[in-house]
C-alpha atoms as a PDB file:
ATOM      1  CA  UNK A   1     -29.754  74.407 -52.486  1.00  0.00           C
ATOM      2  CA  UNK A   2     -29.593  74.267 -48.357  1.00  0.00           C
ATOM      3  CA  UNK A   3     -27.272  71.376 -48.047  1.00  0.00           C
ATOM      4  CA  UNK A   4     -29.701  68.893 -46.644  1.00  0.00           C
ATOM      5  CA  UNK A   5     -31.725  71.121 -44.374  1.00  0.00           C
ATOM      6  CA  UNK A   6     -35.077  69.497 -43.392  1.00  0.00           C
ATOM      7  CA  UNK A   7     -37.979  70.714 -45.583  1.00  0.00           C
ATOM      8  CA  UNK A   8     -40.140  71.807 -42.460  1.00  0.00           C
ATOM      9  CA  UNK A   9     -39.446  73.122 -38.883  1.00  0.00           C
ATOM     10  CA  UNK A  10     -36.242  74.335 -37.200  1.00  0.00           C
ATOM     11  CA  UNK A  11     -32.934  72.409 -37.152  1.00  0.00           C
ATOM     12  CA  UNK A  12     -30.577  72.836 -34.526  1.00  0.00           C
ATOM     13  CA  UNK A  13     -26.976  71.154 -34.663  1.00  0.00           C
ATOM     14  CA  UNK A  14     -26.477  68.153 -32.293  1.00  0.00           C
ATOM     15  CA  UNK A  15     -23.328  69.936 -31.285  1.00  0.00           C
ATOM     16  CA  UNK A  16     -25.254  72.717 -29.359  1.00  0.00           C
ATOM     17  CA  UNK A  17     -24.762  73.352 -25.867  1.00  0.00           C
ATOM     18  CA  UNK A  18     -28.065  71.665 -24.785  1.00  0.00           C
ATOM     19  CA  UNK A  19     -27.733  72.715 -21.170  1.00  0.00           C
ATOM     20  CA  UNK A  20     -28.108  76.435 -21.564  1.00  0.00           C
ATOM     21  CA  UNK A  21     -29.765  76.263 -25.062  1.00  0.00           C
ATOM     22  CA  UNK A  22     -27.057  78.279 -26.697  1.00  0.00           C
ATOM     23  CA  UNK A  23     -27.359  77.751 -30.491  1.00  0.00           C
ATOM     24  CA  UNK A  24     -28.587  78.985 -33.574  1.00  0.00           C
ATOM     25  CA  UNK A  25     -31.404  77.279 -35.390  1.00  0.00           C
ATOM     26  CA  UNK A  26     -31.954  77.304 -39.019  1.00  0.00           C
ATOM     27  CA  UNK A  27     -34.952  76.763 -41.347  1.00  0.00           C
ATOM     28  CA  UNK A  28     -35.837  76.673 -45.096  1.00  0.00           C
ATOM     29  CA  UNK A  29     -37.176  80.013 -45.914  1.00  0.00           C
ATOM     30  CA  UNK A  30     -38.767  81.257 -49.082  1.00  0.00           C
ATOM     31  CA  UNK A  31     -35.616  82.366 -50.903  1.00  0.00           C
ATOM     32  CA  UNK A  32     -32.725  80.671 -48.646  1.00  0.00           C
ATOM     33  CA  UNK A  33     -32.626  80.070 -44.764  1.00  0.00           C
ATOM     34  CA  UNK A  34     -34.079  81.576 -41.885  1.00  0.00           C
ATOM     35  CA  UNK A  35     -31.643  81.836 -38.756  1.00  0.00           C
ATOM     36  CA  UNK A  36     -32.803  82.548 -35.166  1.00  0.00           C
ATOM     37  CA  UNK A  37     -31.350  82.537 -31.555  1.00  0.00           C
ATOM     38  CA  UNK A  38     -32.545  79.431 -29.813  1.00  0.00           C
ATOM     39  CA  UNK A  39     -32.605  81.274 -26.408  1.00  0.00           C
ATOM     40  CA  UNK A  40     -35.315  83.588 -27.539  1.00  0.00           C
ATOM     41  CA  UNK A  41     -37.262  82.035 -30.419  1.00  0.00           C
ATOM     42  CA  UNK A  42     -39.790  84.809 -30.282  1.00  0.00           C
ATOM     43  CA  UNK A  43     -37.229  87.464 -31.509  1.00  0.00           C
ATOM     44  CA  UNK A  44     -37.497  87.961 -35.449  1.00  0.00           C
ATOM     45  CA  UNK A  45     -35.142  85.548 -37.483  1.00  0.00           C
ATOM     46  CA  UNK A  46     -33.111  86.652 -40.351  1.00  0.00           C
ATOM     47  CA  UNK A  47     -33.177  85.608 -43.824  1.00  0.00           C
ATOM     48  CA  UNK A  48     -29.919  84.486 -45.612  1.00  0.00           C
ATOM     49  CA  UNK A  49     -30.207  83.956 -49.412  1.00  0.00           C
ATOM     50  CA  UNK A  50     -29.733  80.375 -50.658  1.00  0.00           C
ATOM     51  CA  UNK A  51     -26.486  81.308 -52.711  1.00  0.00           C
ATOM     52  CA  UNK A  52     -25.013  82.976 -49.613  1.00  0.00           C
ATOM     53  CA  UNK A  53     -25.823  80.083 -47.263  1.00  0.00           C
ATOM     54  CA  UNK A  54     -24.331  77.620 -49.685  1.00  0.00           C
ATOM     55  CA  UNK A  55     -21.208  79.763 -49.964  1.00  0.00           C
ATOM     56  CA  UNK A  56     -20.925  80.218 -46.113  1.00  0.00           C
ATOM     57  CA  UNK A  57     -21.304  76.258 -45.712  1.00  0.00           C
ATOM     58  CA  UNK A  58     -18.907  75.470 -48.493  1.00  0.00           C
ATOM     59  CA  UNK A  59     -16.365  77.826 -46.761  1.00  0.00           C
ATOM     60  CA  UNK A  60     -16.713  76.027 -43.317  1.00  0.00           C
ATOM     61  CA  UNK A  61     -16.358  72.549 -45.061  1.00  0.00           C
ATOM     62  CA  UNK A  62     -13.143  74.020 -46.813  1.00  0.00           C
ATOM     63  CA  UNK A  63     -11.806  75.331 -43.612  1.00  0.00           C
ATOM     64  CA  UNK A  64     -12.455  72.310 -41.686  1.00  0.00           C
ATOM     65  CA  UNK A  65     -11.121  69.754 -44.231  1.00  0.00           C
ATOM     66  CA  UNK A  66      -7.796  70.903 -43.838  1.00  0.00           C
END
């Protein structure tokens, strides 16, 4: 599960700095999500396992719900 991540293409948060394009982008991968730097999308992305991504998002949710 990727917490509502779109099924195609790269997703970038609306909270990103659009002036300097400082953000991470994520996309569905074969076994989880791909993460890349929005400043240089030609660089390789990294793959994060679906379970690890879900745990990361859950921890953020817990952190910010306090």
